[in-house]
Amino acid sequence: MTARIDKGETAAPKPGRRLPPGMHGFDSLAPGDHVITAELVVTADMVDRFADLSGDRFELHMSDEAARELGFPARVAHGLLVLSLIDGLKNQAPAQLSAIATLNWDMGFRKPVLLGDSLQAEYRLQSKRLASDGKRGIAVFAVTARNQRDEVVQTGQTTLMMRR
């Protein structure tokens, strides 16, 4: 599958390789290496279930009418739901990162994600260092999530503790 996220880039290609299927540990990664996820369509059921689990039933997420009154065209998915979905997409990608734990997320919510929008994300290694014990690695990935119109909807970083 040709990833939508790769299309339309006008700048010079970024360094690094798109990781092939398989497990990728800390030592095999170089800055610029990246994972591009599959796509996923956000549904009303997802938003409703997330609202039930989280208790976040803010009207923007629950009602088209309320969303329009707030200046949006329709219901908007929770930002944390979108973050959870793109993390799940990463964890289901053919190219797997041999992570032990997520240490940090620092994400900005750039555009609303509406019901029916399709999400896809890229995780690109920015930097890496050994953990203090030398047995594990700490890797920082730039994260960009886009919708079906190739608009950035979330962007930021995640830090993973990884197996060596």
N, C-alpha and C. Protein backbone atom coordinates (compact mmCIF):
# COMPACT_ATOMS: atom_id res chain seq x y z
N MET A 1 0.84 -1.17 0.00
CA MET A 1 0.00 0.00 0.00
C MET A 1 0.89 1.23 0.00
N THR A 2 0.66 2.14 -0.89
CA THR A 2 1.35 3.42 -0.87
C THR A 2 0.68 4.28 0.18
N ALA A 3 1.46 4.76 1.10
CA ALA A 3 0.90 5.54 2.19
C ALA A 3 0.52 6.93 1.73
N ARG A 4 -0.67 7.34 2.11
CA ARG A 4 -1.16 8.67 1.79
C ARG A 4 -0.23 9.71 2.39
N ILE A 5 0.31 9.44 3.54
CA ILE A 5 1.14 10.41 4.24
C ILE A 5 2.40 10.74 3.45
N ASP A 6 2.84 9.85 2.57
CA ASP A 6 4.03 10.10 1.76
C ASP A 6 3.73 10.98 0.57
N LYS A 7 2.47 11.10 0.18
CA LYS A 7 2.12 11.86 -1.02
C LYS A 7 2.15 13.35 -0.75
N GLY A 8 2.45 14.11 -1.78
CA GLY A 8 2.31 15.54 -1.71
C GLY A 8 3.42 16.26 -0.98
N GLU A 9 4.47 15.57 -0.57
CA GLU A 9 5.56 16.26 0.08
C GLU A 9 6.32 17.05 -0.97
N THR A 10 6.44 18.35 -0.75
CA THR A 10 7.11 19.20 -1.72
C THR A 10 8.55 19.47 -1.31
N ALA A 11 8.86 19.32 -0.04
CA ALA A 11 10.23 19.55 0.42
C ALA A 11 11.10 18.37 0.00
N ALA A 12 12.41 18.56 0.13
CA ALA A 12 13.34 17.47 -0.16
C ALA A 12 13.00 16.29 0.74
N PRO A 13 13.22 15.08 0.25
CA PRO A 13 12.91 13.91 1.08
C PRO A 13 13.66 13.97 2.41
N LYS A 14 12.98 13.54 3.46
CA LYS A 14 13.60 13.52 4.78
C LYS A 14 14.53 12.32 4.86
N PRO A 15 15.62 12.44 5.61
CA PRO A 15 16.52 11.30 5.75
C PRO A 15 15.86 10.17 6.52
N GLY A 16 16.41 9.01 6.38
CA GLY A 16 15.90 7.86 7.12
C GLY A 16 15.15 6.93 6.20
N ARG A 17 14.89 5.78 6.72
CA ARG A 17 14.22 4.75 5.93
C ARG A 17 12.86 4.45 6.52
N ARG A 18 11.95 4.09 5.64
CA ARG A 18 10.67 3.58 6.12
C ARG A 18 10.95 2.16 6.58
N LEU A 19 10.67 1.89 7.84
CA LEU A 19 11.02 0.60 8.40
C LEU A 19 10.21 -0.51 7.75
N PRO A 20 10.88 -1.60 7.37
CA PRO A 20 10.17 -2.73 6.78
C PRO A 20 9.46 -3.53 7.86
N PRO A 21 8.55 -4.43 7.45
CA PRO A 21 7.88 -5.28 8.44
C PRO A 21 8.88 -6.02 9.31
N GLY A 22 8.48 -6.23 10.55
CA GLY A 22 9.33 -6.94 11.50
C GLY A 22 9.52 -6.13 12.76
N MET A 23 10.28 -6.69 13.70
CA MET A 23 10.55 -6.04 14.98
C MET A 23 11.84 -5.24 14.88
N HIS A 24 11.79 -4.01 15.36
CA HIS A 24 12.94 -3.12 15.29
C HIS A 24 13.30 -2.66 16.70
N GLY A 25 14.49 -3.06 17.15
CA GLY A 25 14.97 -2.68 18.46
C GLY A 25 15.75 -1.38 18.41
N PHE A 26 16.08 -0.89 19.56
CA PHE A 26 16.78 0.39 19.71
C PHE A 26 18.05 0.46 18.89
N ASP A 27 18.88 -0.59 18.96
CA ASP A 27 20.19 -0.55 18.31
C ASP A 27 20.11 -0.53 16.79
N SER A 28 19.02 -0.99 16.22
CA SER A 28 18.91 -1.05 14.75
C SER A 28 18.35 0.24 14.15
N LEU A 29 17.95 1.18 15.01
CA LEU A 29 17.31 2.41 14.51
C LEU A 29 18.32 3.55 14.36
N ALA A 30 18.07 4.37 13.34
CA ALA A 30 18.88 5.57 13.12
C ALA A 30 17.93 6.76 12.99
N PRO A 31 18.38 7.95 13.40
CA PRO A 31 17.52 9.13 13.25
C PRO A 31 16.97 9.24 11.82
N GLY A 32 15.70 9.54 11.73
CA GLY A 32 15.00 9.63 10.44
C GLY A 32 14.23 8.38 10.09
N ASP A 33 14.60 7.24 10.68
CA ASP A 33 13.83 6.01 10.42
C ASP A 33 12.40 6.25 10.88
N HIS A 34 11.45 5.67 10.14
CA HIS A 34 10.05 5.97 10.45
C HIS A 34 9.11 4.81 10.15
N VAL A 35 7.98 4.88 10.85
CA VAL A 35 6.87 3.94 10.68
C VAL A 35 5.69 4.77 10.19
N ILE A 36 5.03 4.29 9.15
CA ILE A 36 3.79 4.91 8.68
C ILE A 36 2.68 3.89 8.91
N THR A 37 1.64 4.33 9.58
CA THR A 37 0.57 3.42 9.96
C THR A 37 -0.42 3.22 8.81
N ALA A 38 -1.28 2.26 9.01
CA ALA A 38 -2.46 2.09 8.16
C ALA A 38 -3.41 3.25 8.45
N GLU A 39 -4.53 3.28 7.76
CA GLU A 39 -5.54 4.30 7.98
C GLU A 39 -6.70 3.72 8.78
N LEU A 40 -7.40 4.60 9.49
CA LEU A 40 -8.54 4.21 10.31
C LEU A 40 -9.58 5.30 10.24
N VAL A 41 -10.85 4.92 10.04
CA VAL A 41 -11.94 5.89 9.98
C VAL A 41 -12.53 6.05 11.38
N VAL A 42 -12.69 7.30 11.81
CA VAL A 42 -13.27 7.62 13.12
C VAL A 42 -14.79 7.56 13.00
N THR A 43 -15.41 6.80 13.88
CA THR A 43 -16.86 6.60 13.83
C THR A 43 -17.55 7.19 15.06
N ALA A 44 -18.86 7.38 14.94
CA ALA A 44 -19.66 7.85 16.07
C ALA A 44 -19.58 6.86 17.23
N ASP A 45 -19.55 5.57 16.92
CA ASP A 45 -19.46 4.56 17.97
C ASP A 45 -18.17 4.72 18.78
N MET A 46 -17.06 5.00 18.10
CA MET A 46 -15.79 5.21 18.80
C MET A 46 -15.88 6.40 19.75
N VAL A 47 -16.44 7.50 19.26
CA VAL A 47 -16.55 8.71 20.08
C VAL A 47 -17.48 8.45 21.26
N ASP A 48 -18.60 7.79 21.02
CA ASP A 48 -19.55 7.50 22.09
C ASP A 48 -18.93 6.58 23.15
N ARG A 49 -18.23 5.54 22.70
CA ARG A 49 -17.60 4.61 23.66
C ARG A 49 -16.50 5.31 24.46
N PHE A 50 -15.72 6.17 23.79
CA PHE A 50 -14.68 6.91 24.50
C PHE A 50 -15.31 7.84 25.55
N ALA A 51 -16.40 8.49 25.18
CA ALA A 51 -17.10 9.37 26.12
C ALA A 51 -17.59 8.57 27.33
N ASP A 52 -18.12 7.39 27.07
CA ASP A 52 -18.60 6.54 28.17
C ASP A 52 -17.44 6.12 29.08
N LEU A 53 -16.31 5.73 28.50
CA LEU A 53 -15.17 5.27 29.29
C LEU A 53 -14.50 6.40 30.05
N SER A 54 -14.34 7.53 29.41
CA SER A 54 -13.59 8.64 30.01
C SER A 54 -14.46 9.55 30.87
N GLY A 55 -15.75 9.54 30.63
CA GLY A 55 -16.63 10.47 31.31
C GLY A 55 -16.66 11.85 30.67
N ASP A 56 -15.91 12.01 29.58
CA ASP A 56 -15.86 13.30 28.86
C ASP A 56 -17.00 13.34 27.87
N ARG A 57 -18.10 13.93 28.31
CA ARG A 57 -19.28 14.04 27.47
C ARG A 57 -19.53 15.50 27.10
N PHE A 58 -18.43 16.25 26.94
CA PHE A 58 -18.54 17.65 26.53
C PHE A 58 -19.36 17.72 25.26
N GLU A 59 -20.25 18.71 25.19
CA GLU A 59 -21.23 18.79 24.11
C GLU A 59 -20.61 18.81 22.71
N LEU A 60 -19.43 19.34 22.57
CA LEU A 60 -18.75 19.38 21.28
C LEU A 60 -18.59 17.98 20.69
N HIS A 61 -18.41 17.00 21.57
CA HIS A 61 -18.19 15.61 21.14
C HIS A 61 -19.48 14.82 20.96
N MET A 62 -20.57 15.31 21.54
CA MET A 62 -21.77 14.49 21.63
C MET A 62 -22.92 14.93 20.72
N SER A 63 -22.87 16.16 20.21
CA SER A 63 -24.02 16.69 19.48
C SER A 63 -23.58 17.53 18.28
N ASP A 64 -24.11 17.19 17.10
CA ASP A 64 -23.83 18.01 15.91
C ASP A 64 -24.33 19.43 16.11
N GLU A 65 -25.52 19.56 16.69
CA GLU A 65 -26.10 20.88 16.90
C GLU A 65 -25.22 21.73 17.83
N ALA A 66 -24.80 21.13 18.93
CA ALA A 66 -23.94 21.86 19.87
C ALA A 66 -22.61 22.21 19.21
N ALA A 67 -22.06 21.29 18.43
CA ALA A 67 -20.79 21.55 17.75
C ALA A 67 -20.95 22.74 16.79
N ARG A 68 -22.06 22.78 16.06
CA ARG A 68 -22.28 23.91 15.14
C ARG A 68 -22.41 25.22 15.90
N GLU A 69 -23.09 25.19 17.03
CA GLU A 69 -23.21 26.40 17.86
C GLU A 69 -21.84 26.87 18.37
N LEU A 70 -20.90 25.94 18.49
CA LEU A 70 -19.55 26.27 18.95
C LEU A 70 -18.61 26.61 17.78
N GLY A 71 -19.15 26.60 16.55
CA GLY A 71 -18.35 27.00 15.39
C GLY A 71 -17.73 25.87 14.60
N PHE A 72 -18.13 24.64 14.85
CA PHE A 72 -17.61 23.49 14.12
C PHE A 72 -18.70 22.94 13.21
N PRO A 73 -18.33 22.26 12.13
CA PRO A 73 -19.36 21.78 11.20
C PRO A 73 -20.18 20.60 11.73
N ALA A 74 -19.62 19.86 12.67
CA ALA A 74 -20.29 18.68 13.21
C ALA A 74 -19.52 18.23 14.45
N ARG A 75 -19.99 17.14 15.05
CA ARG A 75 -19.32 16.58 16.23
C ARG A 75 -17.82 16.41 15.98
N VAL A 76 -17.06 16.65 17.01
CA VAL A 76 -15.60 16.55 16.94
C VAL A 76 -15.14 15.42 17.86
N ALA A 77 -14.27 14.56 17.34
CA ALA A 77 -13.70 13.49 18.16
C ALA A 77 -12.82 14.10 19.26
N HIS A 78 -12.78 13.46 20.39
CA HIS A 78 -11.91 13.88 21.49
C HIS A 78 -10.46 13.83 21.02
N GLY A 79 -9.68 14.83 21.39
CA GLY A 79 -8.25 14.83 21.05
C GLY A 79 -7.54 13.62 21.62
N LEU A 80 -7.90 13.25 22.85
CA LEU A 80 -7.25 12.09 23.47
C LEU A 80 -7.68 10.78 22.82
N LEU A 81 -8.89 10.74 22.28
CA LEU A 81 -9.30 9.56 21.51
C LEU A 81 -8.43 9.44 20.26
N VAL A 82 -8.25 10.54 19.55
CA VAL A 82 -7.42 10.52 18.34
C VAL A 82 -6.00 10.07 18.69
N LEU A 83 -5.43 10.61 19.76
CA LEU A 83 -4.10 10.20 20.20
C LEU A 83 -4.08 8.70 20.48
N SER A 84 -5.09 8.20 21.17
CA SER A 84 -5.16 6.76 21.46
C SER A 84 -5.26 5.94 20.19
N LEU A 85 -6.04 6.41 19.24
CA LEU A 85 -6.20 5.67 17.98
C LEU A 85 -4.90 5.61 17.19
N ILE A 86 -4.17 6.72 17.13
CA ILE A 86 -2.92 6.69 16.35
C ILE A 86 -1.85 5.87 17.06
N ASP A 87 -1.88 5.82 18.40
CA ASP A 87 -0.96 4.96 19.12
C ASP A 87 -1.30 3.49 18.83
N GLY A 88 -2.59 3.18 18.82
CA GLY A 88 -3.01 1.82 18.47
C GLY A 88 -2.62 1.45 17.05
N LEU A 89 -2.75 2.40 16.12
CA LEU A 89 -2.33 2.12 14.74
C LEU A 89 -0.84 1.80 14.69
N LYS A 90 -0.03 2.54 15.46
CA LYS A 90 1.42 2.25 15.52
C LYS A 90 1.64 0.83 16.03
N ASN A 91 0.91 0.46 17.06
CA ASN A 91 1.11 -0.85 17.67
C ASN A 91 0.61 -2.00 16.80
N GLN A 92 -0.14 -1.70 15.75
CA GLN A 92 -0.63 -2.72 14.82
C GLN A 92 0.12 -2.70 13.48
N ALA A 93 1.07 -1.77 13.33
CA ALA A 93 1.77 -1.64 12.05
C ALA A 93 2.65 -2.87 11.79
N PRO A 94 2.88 -3.20 10.53
CA PRO A 94 3.78 -4.31 10.22
C PRO A 94 5.20 -4.09 10.75
N ALA A 95 5.67 -2.85 10.75
CA ALA A 95 6.97 -2.50 11.33
C ALA A 95 6.73 -2.18 12.80
N GLN A 96 7.25 -3.02 13.67
CA GLN A 96 7.03 -2.87 15.10
C GLN A 96 8.28 -2.32 15.79
N LEU A 97 8.05 -1.46 16.78
CA LEU A 97 9.12 -0.93 17.62
C LEU A 97 9.16 -1.76 18.89
N SER A 98 10.33 -2.24 19.25
CA SER A 98 10.47 -3.10 20.41
C SER A 98 10.48 -2.25 21.69
N ALA A 99 9.32 -1.71 21.99
CA ALA A 99 9.18 -0.80 23.12
C ALA A 99 8.88 -1.56 24.40
N ILE A 100 9.36 -1.01 25.49
CA ILE A 100 9.04 -1.53 26.82
C ILE A 100 7.91 -0.70 27.42
N ALA A 101 8.01 0.62 27.27
CA ALA A 101 7.01 1.52 27.85
C ALA A 101 7.07 2.88 27.17
N THR A 102 5.94 3.56 27.18
CA THR A 102 5.90 4.95 26.74
C THR A 102 6.22 5.81 27.95
N LEU A 103 7.18 6.73 27.78
CA LEU A 103 7.59 7.60 28.88
C LEU A 103 6.96 8.98 28.82
N ASN A 104 6.56 9.40 27.63
CA ASN A 104 6.04 10.76 27.50
C ASN A 104 5.28 10.92 26.19
N TRP A 105 4.28 11.79 26.24
CA TRP A 105 3.61 12.30 25.05
C TRP A 105 3.61 13.82 25.17
N ASP A 106 3.87 14.50 24.08
CA ASP A 106 3.75 15.96 24.01
C ASP A 106 3.12 16.25 22.65
N MET A 107 1.80 16.39 22.65
CA MET A 107 1.08 16.51 21.38
C MET A 107 0.25 17.78 21.34
N GLY A 108 0.18 18.35 20.14
CA GLY A 108 -0.70 19.48 19.88
C GLY A 108 -1.85 19.04 18.99
N PHE A 109 -3.03 19.51 19.31
CA PHE A 109 -4.23 19.18 18.54
C PHE A 109 -4.45 20.33 17.56
N ARG A 110 -4.11 20.13 16.29
CA ARG A 110 -4.05 21.21 15.30
C ARG A 110 -5.36 21.49 14.58
N LYS A 111 -6.11 20.44 14.24
CA LYS A 111 -7.38 20.59 13.53
C LYS A 111 -8.37 19.60 14.11
N PRO A 112 -9.65 19.93 14.05
CA PRO A 112 -10.64 18.99 14.57
C PRO A 112 -10.72 17.74 13.70
N VAL A 113 -10.97 16.63 14.35
CA VAL A 113 -11.22 15.37 13.66
C VAL A 113 -12.71 15.11 13.78
N LEU A 114 -13.37 15.02 12.62
CA LEU A 114 -14.81 14.83 12.58
C LEU A 114 -15.15 13.36 12.35
N LEU A 115 -16.38 12.99 12.67
CA LEU A 115 -16.83 11.63 12.40
C LEU A 115 -16.72 11.38 10.90
N GLY A 116 -16.19 10.23 10.54
CA GLY A 116 -15.99 9.89 9.13
C GLY A 116 -14.61 10.25 8.61
N ASP A 117 -13.84 11.04 9.37
CA ASP A 117 -12.47 11.34 8.95
C ASP A 117 -11.61 10.10 9.05
N SER A 118 -10.65 10.00 8.17
CA SER A 118 -9.69 8.90 8.17
C SER A 118 -8.38 9.41 8.76
N LEU A 119 -7.80 8.63 9.65
CA LEU A 119 -6.54 8.99 10.30
C LEU A 119 -5.41 8.10 9.83
N GLN A 120 -4.22 8.68 9.74
CA GLN A 120 -3.00 7.94 9.48
C GLN A 120 -1.88 8.70 10.18
N ALA A 121 -0.88 7.99 10.69
CA ALA A 121 0.19 8.66 11.44
C ALA A 121 1.56 8.20 10.97
N GLU A 122 2.51 9.09 11.18
CA GLU A 122 3.92 8.78 10.95
C GLU A 122 4.66 8.98 12.26
N TYR A 123 5.51 8.03 12.60
CA TYR A 123 6.39 8.08 13.76
C TYR A 123 7.81 8.08 13.22
N ARG A 124 8.54 9.21 13.40
CA ARG A 124 9.88 9.37 12.83
C ARG A 124 10.88 9.59 13.97
N LEU A 125 11.91 8.74 14.03
CA LEU A 125 12.90 8.82 15.09
C LEU A 125 13.67 10.14 15.00
N GLN A 126 13.61 10.91 16.08
CA GLN A 126 14.35 12.18 16.15
C GLN A 126 15.70 12.00 16.83
N SER A 127 15.70 11.27 17.95
CA SER A 127 16.94 11.10 18.70
C SER A 127 16.84 9.84 19.54
N LYS A 128 18.01 9.38 19.97
CA LYS A 128 18.04 8.23 20.84
C LYS A 128 19.27 8.31 21.72
N ARG A 129 19.17 7.68 22.90
CA ARG A 129 20.30 7.61 23.84
C ARG A 129 20.12 6.36 24.69
N LEU A 130 21.21 5.92 25.27
CA LEU A 130 21.12 4.78 26.17
C LEU A 130 20.49 5.23 27.48
N ALA A 131 19.74 4.33 28.08
CA ALA A 131 19.23 4.56 29.43
C ALA A 131 20.39 4.47 30.41
N SER A 132 20.20 4.94 31.62
CA SER A 132 21.29 4.99 32.59
C SER A 132 21.89 3.62 32.89
N ASP A 133 21.10 2.56 32.77
CA ASP A 133 21.63 1.22 33.03
C ASP A 133 22.36 0.62 31.82
N GLY A 134 22.27 1.28 30.66
CA GLY A 134 22.93 0.79 29.44
C GLY A 134 22.27 -0.43 28.83
N LYS A 135 21.25 -0.96 29.47
CA LYS A 135 20.59 -2.17 28.98
C LYS A 135 19.38 -1.87 28.12
N ARG A 136 18.92 -0.63 28.19
CA ARG A 136 17.74 -0.21 27.42
C ARG A 136 18.07 1.11 26.74
N GLY A 137 17.21 1.49 25.80
CA GLY A 137 17.40 2.75 25.10
C GLY A 137 16.19 3.65 25.27
N ILE A 138 16.42 4.94 25.12
CA ILE A 138 15.36 5.94 25.15
C ILE A 138 15.32 6.57 23.76
N ALA A 139 14.17 6.49 23.12
CA ALA A 139 14.02 6.98 21.74
C ALA A 139 12.90 8.01 21.70
N VAL A 140 13.17 9.13 21.04
CA VAL A 140 12.19 10.20 20.88
C VAL A 140 11.73 10.20 19.43
N PHE A 141 10.42 10.08 19.23
CA PHE A 141 9.83 10.05 17.89
C PHE A 141 8.98 11.29 17.67
N ALA A 142 9.16 11.92 16.53
CA ALA A 142 8.22 12.96 16.08
C ALA A 142 6.99 12.23 15.57
N VAL A 143 5.83 12.73 15.93
CA VAL A 143 4.57 12.09 15.53
C VAL A 143 3.73 13.11 14.76
N THR A 144 3.27 12.68 13.59
CA THR A 144 2.38 13.51 12.79
C THR A 144 1.18 12.68 12.38
N ALA A 145 -0.02 13.15 12.74
CA ALA A 145 -1.26 12.48 12.33
C ALA A 145 -1.96 13.36 11.31
N ARG A 146 -2.43 12.74 10.25
CA ARG A 146 -3.11 13.46 9.17
C ARG A 146 -4.46 12.84 8.89
N ASN A 147 -5.35 13.67 8.31
CA ASN A 147 -6.65 13.17 7.89
C ASN A 147 -6.61 12.84 6.40
N GLN A 148 -7.76 12.47 5.86
CA GLN A 148 -7.86 12.04 4.46
C GLN A 148 -7.57 13.18 3.48
N ARG A 149 -7.59 14.41 3.94
CA ARG A 149 -7.26 15.56 3.10
C ARG A 149 -5.78 15.94 3.23
N ASP A 150 -5.01 15.10 3.89
CA ASP A 150 -3.58 15.30 4.12
C ASP A 150 -3.32 16.51 5.03
N GLU A 151 -4.31 16.88 5.84
CA GLU A 151 -4.15 17.97 6.80
C GLU A 151 -3.61 17.40 8.11
N VAL A 152 -2.66 18.09 8.71
CA VAL A 152 -2.13 17.67 10.00
C VAL A 152 -3.18 17.96 11.07
N VAL A 153 -3.59 16.91 11.78
CA VAL A 153 -4.58 17.07 12.83
C VAL A 153 -3.95 17.02 14.22
N GLN A 154 -2.86 16.30 14.35
CA GLN A 154 -2.10 16.28 15.61
C GLN A 154 -0.63 16.16 15.26
N THR A 155 0.20 16.81 16.07
CA THR A 155 1.64 16.72 15.86
C THR A 155 2.34 16.89 17.20
N GLY A 156 3.47 16.25 17.34
CA GLY A 156 4.22 16.35 18.58
C GLY A 156 5.28 15.28 18.68
N GLN A 157 5.48 14.79 19.90
CA GLN A 157 6.52 13.78 20.16
C GLN A 157 6.02 12.74 21.14
N THR A 158 6.64 11.58 21.04
CA THR A 158 6.49 10.57 22.08
C THR A 158 7.88 10.02 22.38
N THR A 159 8.08 9.67 23.64
CA THR A 159 9.35 9.09 24.09
C THR A 159 9.08 7.67 24.53
N LEU A 160 9.86 6.75 23.97
CA LEU A 160 9.71 5.34 24.29
C LEU A 160 10.96 4.79 24.95
N MET A 161 10.79 3.95 25.96
CA MET A 161 11.87 3.12 26.46
C MET A 161 11.85 1.87 25.60
N MET A 162 13.02 1.49 25.07
CA MET A 162 13.07 0.39 24.11
C MET A 162 14.07 -0.67 24.53
N ARG A 163 13.80 -1.90 24.04
CA ARG A 163 14.74 -3.00 24.21
C ARG A 163 15.94 -2.79 23.27
N ARG A 164 17.09 -3.24 23.72
CA ARG A 164 18.30 -3.15 22.88
C ARG A 164 18.46 -4.45 22.12
